[in-house]
Each structure stands twice: as C-alpha cells, then as structure tokens.
Amino acid sequence: MNGQINGHAILENVRRYRGIASLYRQTAAFRPGQSWSLLEQAQDWEARALSELESYFAARMDYAAPRAA
C-alpha cells in the first residue's frame, strides 16, 4: 500500500513538473527577449520529470523483483 501511495505522489510530481515546463515554453513564445532563458528553465523542469519517472520505475522494478523470484 505504501508503495502505491508513493507511486501516486511521484506521478503527481511528474504531472506538475511537466505543467510548469509547459508554462515556461508558452511564456517563451510571448517573450522573445527571454526565450532562451525560459526554454532552458523548461528543459530543467522536464529533466526533473524524467528523473521522477526513472525513480518511479526503478522502485517498481525493485518491488517486483523479489516477487518474481
């Protein structure tokens, strides 16, 4: 049960991080003078989302491995 709760929290973080990245990309479209900085920040948030997904799937693999054996 605890793993499921943590999994939901991780996936919620991914959703939030990608939403933030999307807002940075949208803002970059309307602020050409700041677009490079904004797009860089969007990339950072996407990297955070990817890191969260990697930890989510790593935790699932660690949890599933003993059951498979």
Foldseek 3Di string as FASTA:
>chain_A
DVLVVVLVVLVVLLVVLQVQLVVLCVVCVVPVVCNVVSNVVSVVSNVVSVVSVVVNVVVVCVVCVVVVD
